[in-house]
Protein backbone atom coordinates (compact mmCIF):
# COMPACT_ATOMS: atom_id res chain seq x y z
CA MET A 1 39.97 -13.18 -23.57
CA LYS A 2 38.00 -15.99 -21.96
CA ILE A 3 34.32 -15.49 -21.13
CA ARG A 4 32.96 -17.59 -18.28
CA SER A 5 29.57 -18.14 -16.76
CA LEU A 6 29.65 -18.73 -13.03
CA LEU A 7 27.01 -20.13 -10.74
CA GLU A 8 27.52 -19.40 -7.07
CA CYS A 9 25.72 -21.64 -4.59
CA THR A 10 25.48 -21.78 -0.85
CA VAL A 11 24.90 -25.29 0.47
CA ASP A 12 23.25 -25.96 3.81
CA THR A 13 25.24 -28.96 5.02
CA ALA A 14 22.47 -29.85 7.47
CA ASN A 15 20.52 -31.17 4.47
CA PRO A 16 23.22 -32.20 1.97
CA VAL A 17 21.30 -34.52 -0.35
CA SER A 18 18.52 -32.10 -1.28
CA GLU A 19 20.99 -29.21 -1.42
CA LEU A 20 23.34 -31.07 -3.77
CA THR A 21 20.37 -32.17 -5.87
CA ALA A 22 19.36 -28.53 -6.25
CA VAL A 23 22.90 -27.55 -7.24
CA ILE A 24 23.04 -30.33 -9.84
CA SER A 25 19.68 -29.22 -11.25
CA ALA A 26 20.89 -25.62 -11.44
CA VAL A 27 24.07 -26.62 -13.27
CA LEU A 28 22.16 -28.82 -15.71
CA ALA A 29 19.80 -25.93 -16.47
CA THR A 30 22.75 -23.81 -17.60
CA ASP A 31 24.04 -26.33 -20.14
CA LYS A 32 21.06 -27.58 -22.13
CA GLY A 33 21.97 -30.41 -24.46
CA ASN A 34 24.88 -31.64 -22.32
CA GLU A 35 22.87 -32.89 -19.36
CA SER A 36 23.52 -36.55 -20.18
CA ALA A 37 27.30 -36.09 -20.45
CA ILE A 38 27.41 -34.12 -17.21
CA LEU A 39 25.38 -36.75 -15.36
CA ARG A 40 27.54 -39.59 -16.73
CA GLU A 41 30.74 -37.89 -15.54
CA LEU A 42 29.13 -37.15 -12.19
CA ASP A 43 28.04 -40.79 -11.92
CA GLU A 44 31.64 -41.88 -12.52
CA ALA A 45 32.96 -39.45 -9.90
CA VAL A 46 30.40 -40.61 -7.32
CA GLY A 47 31.17 -44.26 -8.12
CA ASN A 48 34.88 -43.64 -7.61
CA ALA A 49 34.24 -41.84 -4.33
CA LEU A 50 32.05 -44.70 -3.09
CA ALA A 51 34.64 -47.29 -4.08
CA THR A 52 37.32 -45.36 -2.19
CA LEU A 53 35.12 -45.09 0.90
CA GLU A 54 34.32 -48.79 0.76
CA GLY A 55 38.01 -49.69 0.68
CA GLY A 56 38.44 -50.57 -2.96
CA VAL A 57 39.90 -48.18 -5.46
CA GLU A 58 37.91 -48.71 -8.64
CA HIS A 59 38.09 -46.32 -11.55
CA TYR A 60 35.49 -46.72 -14.25
């Protein structure tokens, strides 16, 4: 049996930056001690998405 903790969020896309910031904060609060690793992986994912949008495909 696998036990999972789920966090369900509703995001108002009219204000995406503050909404996503709140979601990130909520996720970080559920995994104390791993905040740095989560943020590093998120930073990599955002960097890859930006590189794709800007025309280059860079993977860190």
